[in-house]
Amino acid sequence: VNGVGVPLQLPERHMLYAFHCAGPASQLPLQRIRREIGPRLVGMISDIRLALGAPPQSVLVEPQIHQP
């Protein structure tokens, strides 16, 4: 399973939301997450912040691979 998540923090509302996308590694390779899915999630969060009147705040960081 591969996945990516993006937080949406709204300090004025004292809320933290998490948006994510995950799927089987065979259908959602890391390259697609890095190239397409992650940036689209960041863009979606920016759009939500703008619609709510909050300033943009998203920062991309290099994905980490979880090793149980």
PDB file of N, CA and C in Angstrom:
ATOM      1  N   VAL A   1       0.845  -1.176   0.000  1.00  0.00           N
ATOM      2  CA  VAL A   1       0.000   0.000   0.000  1.00  0.00           C
ATOM      3  C   VAL A   1       0.886   1.233   0.000  1.00  0.00           C
ATOM      4  N   ASN A   2       0.609   2.145  -0.913  1.00  0.00           N
ATOM      5  CA  ASN A   2       1.273   3.447  -0.955  1.00  0.00           C
ATOM      6  C   ASN A   2       0.233   4.514  -0.678  1.00  0.00           C
ATOM      7  N   GLY A   3       0.675   5.603  -0.090  1.00  0.00           N
ATOM      8  CA  GLY A   3      -0.262   6.683   0.188  1.00  0.00           C
ATOM      9  C   GLY A   3       0.450   7.992   0.444  1.00  0.00           C
ATOM     10  N   VAL A   4      -0.341   9.054   0.451  1.00  0.00           N
ATOM     11  CA  VAL A   4       0.168  10.393   0.716  1.00  0.00           C
ATOM     12  C   VAL A   4      -0.909  11.140   1.494  1.00  0.00           C
ATOM     13  N   GLY A   5      -0.466  12.021   2.397  1.00  0.00           N
ATOM     14  CA  GLY A   5      -1.412  12.803   3.181  1.00  0.00           C
ATOM     15  C   GLY A   5      -0.985  14.254   3.261  1.00  0.00           C
ATOM     16  N   VAL A   6      -1.964  15.136   3.387  1.00  0.00           N
ATOM     17  CA  VAL A   6      -1.712  16.571   3.485  1.00  0.00           C
ATOM     18  C   VAL A   6      -2.589  17.117   4.611  1.00  0.00           C
ATOM     19  N   PRO A   7      -1.977  17.841   5.572  1.00  0.00           N
ATOM     20  CA  PRO A   7      -2.782  18.414   6.646  1.00  0.00           C
ATOM     21  C   PRO A   7      -3.398  19.752   6.249  1.00  0.00           C
ATOM     22  N   LEU A   8      -4.507  20.053   6.868  1.00  0.00           N
ATOM     23  CA  LEU A   8      -5.128  21.371   6.753  1.00  0.00           C
ATOM     24  C   LEU A   8      -5.353  21.853   8.177  1.00  0.00           C
ATOM     25  N   GLN A   9      -4.564  22.840   8.584  1.00  0.00           N
ATOM     26  CA  GLN A   9      -4.691  23.384   9.932  1.00  0.00           C
ATOM     27  C   GLN A   9      -5.390  24.732   9.858  1.00  0.00           C
ATOM     28  N   LEU A  10      -6.410  24.870  10.658  1.00  0.00           N
ATOM     29  CA  LEU A  10      -7.154  26.121  10.741  1.00  0.00           C
ATOM     30  C   LEU A  10      -7.087  26.608  12.188  1.00  0.00           C
ATOM     31  N   PRO A  11      -6.008  27.335  12.531  1.00  0.00           N
ATOM     32  CA  PRO A  11      -5.801  27.745  13.923  1.00  0.00           C
ATOM     33  C   PRO A  11      -6.963  28.562  14.484  1.00  0.00           C
ATOM     34  N   GLU A  12      -7.568  29.407  13.638  1.00  0.00           N
ATOM     35  CA  GLU A  12      -8.668  30.232  14.123  1.00  0.00           C
ATOM     36  C   GLU A  12      -9.870  29.391  14.541  1.00  0.00           C
ATOM     37  N   ARG A  13      -9.933  28.166  14.043  1.00  0.00           N
ATOM     38  CA  ARG A  13     -11.031  27.261  14.419  1.00  0.00           C
ATOM     39  C   ARG A  13     -10.544  26.160  15.354  1.00  0.00           C
ATOM     40  N   HIS A  14      -9.262  26.176  15.688  1.00  0.00           N
ATOM     41  CA  HIS A  14      -8.658  25.159  16.560  1.00  0.00           C
ATOM     42  C   HIS A  14      -8.908  23.752  16.015  1.00  0.00           C
ATOM     43  N   MET A  15      -8.740  23.616  14.703  1.00  0.00           N
ATOM     44  CA  MET A  15      -8.991  22.331  14.057  1.00  0.00           C
ATOM     45  C   MET A  15      -7.804  21.927  13.192  1.00  0.00           C
ATOM     46  N   LEU A  16      -7.597  20.626  13.098  1.00  0.00           N
ATOM     47  CA  LEU A  16      -6.606  20.061  12.197  1.00  0.00           C
ATOM     48  C   LEU A  16      -7.305  18.950  11.424  1.00  0.00           C
ATOM     49  N   TYR A  17      -7.266  19.051  10.105  1.00  0.00           N
ATOM     50  CA  TYR A  17      -7.891  18.059   9.233  1.00  0.00           C
ATOM     51  C   TYR A  17      -6.801  17.344   8.446  1.00  0.00           C
ATOM     52  N   ALA A  18      -7.053  16.105   8.079  1.00  0.00           N
ATOM     53  CA  ALA A  18      -6.101  15.345   7.274  1.00  0.00           C
ATOM     54  C   ALA A  18      -6.808  14.837   6.018  1.00  0.00           C
ATOM     55  N   PHE A  19      -6.188  15.079   4.880  1.00  0.00           N
ATOM     56  CA  PHE A  19      -6.673  14.576   3.598  1.00  0.00           C
ATOM     57  C   PHE A  19      -5.626  13.599   3.090  1.00  0.00           C
ATOM     58  N   HIS A  20      -6.063  12.447   2.604  1.00  0.00           N
ATOM     59  CA  HIS A  20      -5.086  11.467   2.131  1.00  0.00           C
ATOM     60  C   HIS A  20      -5.636  10.688   0.943  1.00  0.00           C
ATOM     61  N   CYS A  21      -4.709  10.040   0.283  1.00  0.00           N
ATOM     62  CA  CYS A  21      -5.035   9.156  -0.831  1.00  0.00           C
ATOM     63  C   CYS A  21      -4.120   7.948  -0.705  1.00  0.00           C
ATOM     64  N   ALA A  22      -4.679   6.760  -0.747  1.00  0.00           N
ATOM     65  CA  ALA A  22      -3.892   5.536  -0.629  1.00  0.00           C
ATOM     66  C   ALA A  22      -4.485   4.471  -1.538  1.00  0.00           C
ATOM     67  N   GLY A  23      -3.648   3.518  -1.904  1.00  0.00           N
ATOM     68  CA  GLY A  23      -4.106   2.430  -2.745  1.00  0.00           C
ATOM     69  C   GLY A  23      -3.040   1.363  -2.878  1.00  0.00           C
ATOM     70  N   PRO A  24      -3.358   0.271  -3.550  1.00  0.00           N
ATOM     71  CA  PRO A  24      -2.388  -0.796  -3.747  1.00  0.00           C
ATOM     72  C   PRO A  24      -1.154  -0.271  -4.488  1.00  0.00           C
ATOM     73  N   ALA A  25       0.016  -0.689  -4.042  1.00  0.00           N
ATOM     74  CA  ALA A  25       1.263  -0.231  -4.661  1.00  0.00           C
ATOM     75  C   ALA A  25       1.302  -0.559  -6.152  1.00  0.00           C
ATOM     76  N   SER A  26       0.638  -1.629  -6.554  1.00  0.00           N
ATOM     77  CA  SER A  26       0.640  -2.002  -7.974  1.00  0.00           C
ATOM     78  C   SER A  26      -0.141  -1.005  -8.832  1.00  0.00           C
ATOM     79  N   GLN A  27      -1.098  -0.297  -8.231  1.00  0.00           N
ATOM     80  CA  GLN A  27      -1.909   0.666  -8.977  1.00  0.00           C
ATOM     81  C   GLN A  27      -1.571   2.115  -8.648  1.00  0.00           C
ATOM     82  N   LEU A  28      -0.822   2.325  -7.560  1.00  0.00           N
ATOM     83  CA  LEU A  28      -0.471   3.676  -7.134  1.00  0.00           C
ATOM     84  C   LEU A  28       1.020   3.717  -6.775  1.00  0.00           C
ATOM     85  N   PRO A  29       1.883   3.674  -7.794  1.00  0.00           N
ATOM     86  CA  PRO A  29       3.327   3.667  -7.528  1.00  0.00           C
ATOM     87  C   PRO A  29       3.803   4.997  -6.934  1.00  0.00           C
ATOM     88  N   LEU A  30       4.920   4.939  -6.207  1.00  0.00           N
ATOM     89  CA  LEU A  30       5.466   6.136  -5.568  1.00  0.00           C
ATOM     90  C   LEU A  30       5.718   7.262  -6.559  1.00  0.00           C
ATOM     91  N   GLN A  31       6.149   6.920  -7.772  1.00  0.00           N
ATOM     92  CA  GLN A  31       6.410   7.959  -8.770  1.00  0.00           C
ATOM     93  C   GLN A  31       5.137   8.751  -9.078  1.00  0.00           C
ATOM     94  N   ARG A  32       4.016   8.074  -9.160  1.00  0.00           N
ATOM     95  CA  ARG A  32       2.746   8.764  -9.439  1.00  0.00           C
ATOM     96  C   ARG A  32       2.333   9.633  -8.253  1.00  0.00           C
ATOM     97  N   ILE A  33       2.558   9.124  -7.049  1.00  0.00           N
ATOM     98  CA  ILE A  33       2.242   9.910  -5.854  1.00  0.00           C
ATOM     99  C   ILE A  33       3.056  11.197  -5.848  1.00  0.00           C
ATOM    100  N   ARG A  34       4.359  11.078  -6.107  1.00  0.00           N
ATOM    101  CA  ARG A  34       5.249  12.246  -6.079  1.00  0.00           C
ATOM    102  C   ARG A  34       4.958  13.223  -7.211  1.00  0.00           C
ATOM    103  N   ARG A  35       4.660  12.704  -8.374  1.00  0.00           N
ATOM    104  CA  ARG A  35       4.495  13.540  -9.563  1.00  0.00           C
ATOM    105  C   ARG A  35       3.085  14.130  -9.686  1.00  0.00           C
ATOM    106  N   GLU A  36       2.082  13.363  -9.282  1.00  0.00           N
ATOM    107  CA  GLU A  36       0.698  13.753  -9.568  1.00  0.00           C
ATOM    108  C   GLU A  36      -0.177  13.915  -8.322  1.00  0.00           C
ATOM    109  N   ILE A  37      -0.288  12.883  -7.530  1.00  0.00           N
ATOM    110  CA  ILE A  37      -1.261  12.872  -6.431  1.00  0.00           C
ATOM    111  C   ILE A  37      -0.901  13.871  -5.331  1.00  0.00           C
ATOM    112  N   GLY A  38       0.348  13.852  -4.863  1.00  0.00           N
ATOM    113  CA  GLY A  38       0.771  14.780  -3.805  1.00  0.00           C
ATOM    114  C   GLY A  38       0.558  16.232  -4.185  1.00  0.00           C
ATOM    115  N   PRO A  39       1.071  16.667  -5.344  1.00  0.00           N
ATOM    116  CA  PRO A  39       0.848  18.056  -5.744  1.00  0.00           C
ATOM    117  C   PRO A  39      -0.632  18.414  -5.912  1.00  0.00           C
ATOM    118  N   ARG A  40      -1.449  17.466  -6.361  1.00  0.00           N
ATOM    119  CA  ARG A  40      -2.887  17.754  -6.499  1.00  0.00           C
ATOM    120  C   ARG A  40      -3.546  17.931  -5.133  1.00  0.00           C
ATOM    121  N   LEU A  41      -3.129  17.121  -4.152  1.00  0.00           N
ATOM    122  CA  LEU A  41      -3.658  17.291  -2.800  1.00  0.00           C
ATOM    123  C   LEU A  41      -3.247  18.645  -2.221  1.00  0.00           C
ATOM    124  N   VAL A  42      -1.997  19.030  -2.426  1.00  0.00           N
ATOM    125  CA  VAL A  42      -1.527  20.334  -1.944  1.00  0.00           C
ATOM    126  C   VAL A  42      -2.340  21.452  -2.598  1.00  0.00           C
ATOM    127  N   GLY A  43      -2.587  21.334  -3.897  1.00  0.00           N
ATOM    128  CA  GLY A  43      -3.401  22.325  -4.598  1.00  0.00           C
ATOM    129  C   GLY A  43      -4.822  22.380  -4.062  1.00  0.00           C
ATOM    130  N   MET A  44      -5.380  21.215  -3.751  1.00  0.00           N
ATOM    131  CA  MET A  44      -6.731  21.163  -3.207  1.00  0.00           C
ATOM    132  C   MET A  44      -6.796  21.872  -1.854  1.00  0.00           C
ATOM    133  N   ILE A  45      -5.799  21.640  -1.010  1.00  0.00           N
ATOM    134  CA  ILE A  45      -5.757  22.296   0.302  1.00  0.00           C
ATOM    135  C   ILE A  45      -5.631  23.804   0.134  1.00  0.00           C
ATOM    136  N   SER A  46      -4.812  24.243  -0.813  1.00  0.00           N
ATOM    137  CA  SER A  46      -4.683  25.683  -1.079  1.00  0.00           C
ATOM    138  C   SER A  46      -6.021  26.275  -1.509  1.00  0.00           C
ATOM    139  N   ASP A  47      -6.747  25.549  -2.356  1.00  0.00           N
ATOM    140  CA  ASP A  47      -8.069  26.012  -2.802  1.00  0.00           C
ATOM    141  C   ASP A  47      -9.052  26.099  -1.633  1.00  0.00           C
ATOM    142  N   ILE A  48      -9.014  25.110  -0.749  1.00  0.00           N
ATOM    143  CA  ILE A  48      -9.905  25.117   0.414  1.00  0.00           C
ATOM    144  C   ILE A  48      -9.574  26.294   1.323  1.00  0.00           C
ATOM    145  N   ARG A  49      -8.271  26.499   1.572  1.00  0.00           N
ATOM    146  CA  ARG A  49      -7.857  27.627   2.424  1.00  0.00           C
ATOM    147  C   ARG A  49      -8.327  28.950   1.819  1.00  0.00           C
ATOM    148  N   LEU A  50      -8.165  29.091   0.518  1.00  0.00           N
ATOM    149  CA  LEU A  50      -8.586  30.316  -0.167  1.00  0.00           C
ATOM    150  C   LEU A  50     -10.102  30.519  -0.036  1.00  0.00           C
ATOM    151  N   ALA A  51     -10.870  29.440  -0.228  1.00  0.00           N
ATOM    152  CA  ALA A  51     -12.329  29.525  -0.128  1.00  0.00           C
ATOM    153  C   ALA A  51     -12.782  29.898   1.285  1.00  0.00           C
ATOM    154  N   LEU A  52     -11.993  29.505   2.290  1.00  0.00           N
ATOM    155  CA  LEU A  52     -12.332  29.815   3.677  1.00  0.00           C
ATOM    156  C   LEU A  52     -11.763  31.154   4.129  1.00  0.00           C
ATOM    157  N   GLY A  53     -11.028  31.817   3.238  1.00  0.00           N
ATOM    158  CA  GLY A  53     -10.445  33.108   3.585  1.00  0.00           C
ATOM    159  C   GLY A  53      -9.172  33.014   4.392  1.00  0.00           C
ATOM    160  N   ALA A  54      -8.545  31.837   4.424  1.00  0.00           N
ATOM    161  CA  ALA A  54      -7.284  31.648   5.153  1.00  0.00           C
ATOM    162  C   ALA A  54      -6.116  31.789   4.182  1.00  0.00           C
ATOM    163  N   PRO A  55      -4.964  32.263   4.653  1.00  0.00           N
ATOM    164  CA  PRO A  55      -3.809  32.392   3.758  1.00  0.00           C
ATOM    165  C   PRO A  55      -3.247  31.023   3.374  1.00  0.00           C
ATOM    166  N   PRO A  56      -2.643  30.896   2.179  1.00  0.00           N
ATOM    167  CA  PRO A  56      -2.013  29.626   1.781  1.00  0.00           C
ATOM    168  C   PRO A  56      -0.884  29.278   2.739  1.00  0.00           C
ATOM    169  N   GLN A  57      -0.725  27.976   3.005  1.00  0.00           N
ATOM    170  CA  GLN A  57       0.280  27.585   3.987  1.00  0.00           C
ATOM    171  C   GLN A  57       0.928  26.246   3.673  1.00  0.00           C
ATOM    172  N   SER A  58       0.632  25.624   2.549  1.00  0.00           N
ATOM    173  CA  SER A  58       1.145  24.293   2.247  1.00  0.00           C
ATOM    174  C   SER A  58       2.629  24.327   1.918  1.00  0.00           C
ATOM    175  N   VAL A  59       3.339  23.322   2.419  1.00  0.00           N
ATOM    176  CA  VAL A  59       4.763  23.167   2.152  1.00  0.00           C
ATOM    177  C   VAL A  59       4.993  21.717   1.753  1.00  0.00           C
ATOM    178  N   LEU A  60       5.625  21.495   0.626  1.00  0.00           N
ATOM    179  CA  LEU A  60       5.940  20.133   0.204  1.00  0.00           C
ATOM    180  C   LEU A  60       7.208  19.657   0.891  1.00  0.00           C
ATOM    181  N   VAL A  61       7.187  18.435   1.381  1.00  0.00           N
ATOM    182  CA  VAL A  61       8.376  17.807   1.946  1.00  0.00           C
ATOM    183  C   VAL A  61       8.574  16.472   1.248  1.00  0.00           C
ATOM    184  N   GLU A  62       9.809  16.019   1.220  1.00  0.00           N
ATOM    185  CA  GLU A  62      10.131  14.741   0.582  1.00  0.00           C
ATOM    186  C   GLU A  62       9.376  13.616   1.290  1.00  0.00           C
ATOM    187  N   PRO A  63       8.697  12.736   0.536  1.00  0.00           N
ATOM    188  CA  PRO A  63       7.960  11.639   1.157  1.00  0.00           C
ATOM    189  C   PRO A  63       8.899  10.692   1.896  1.00  0.00           C
ATOM    190  N   GLN A  64       8.376  10.069   2.926  1.00  0.00           N
ATOM    191  CA  GLN A  64       9.126   9.084   3.686  1.00  0.00           C
ATOM    192  C   GLN A  64       8.480   7.722   3.486  1.00  0.00           C
ATOM    193  N   ILE A  65       9.297   6.702   3.440  1.00  0.00           N
ATOM    194  CA  ILE A  65       8.795   5.339   3.292  1.00  0.00           C
ATOM    195  C   ILE A  65       8.738   4.704   4.670  1.00  0.00           C
ATOM    196  N   HIS A  66       7.550   4.244   5.050  1.00  0.00           N
ATOM    197  CA  HIS A  66       7.362   3.619   6.362  1.00  0.00           C
ATOM    198  C   HIS A  66       7.840   2.177   6.311  1.00  0.00           C
ATOM    199  N   GLN A  67       8.680   1.800   7.245  1.00  0.00           N
ATOM    200  CA  GLN A  67       9.170   0.430   7.357  1.00  0.00           C
ATOM    201  C   GLN A  67       8.699  -0.129   8.698  1.00  0.00           C
ATOM    202  N   PRO A  68       7.673  -0.992   8.714  1.00  0.00           N
ATOM    203  CA  PRO A  68       7.174  -1.529  10.002  1.00  0.00           C
ATOM    204  C   PRO A  68       8.196  -2.405  10.697  1.00  0.00           C
TER     205      PRO A  68
END
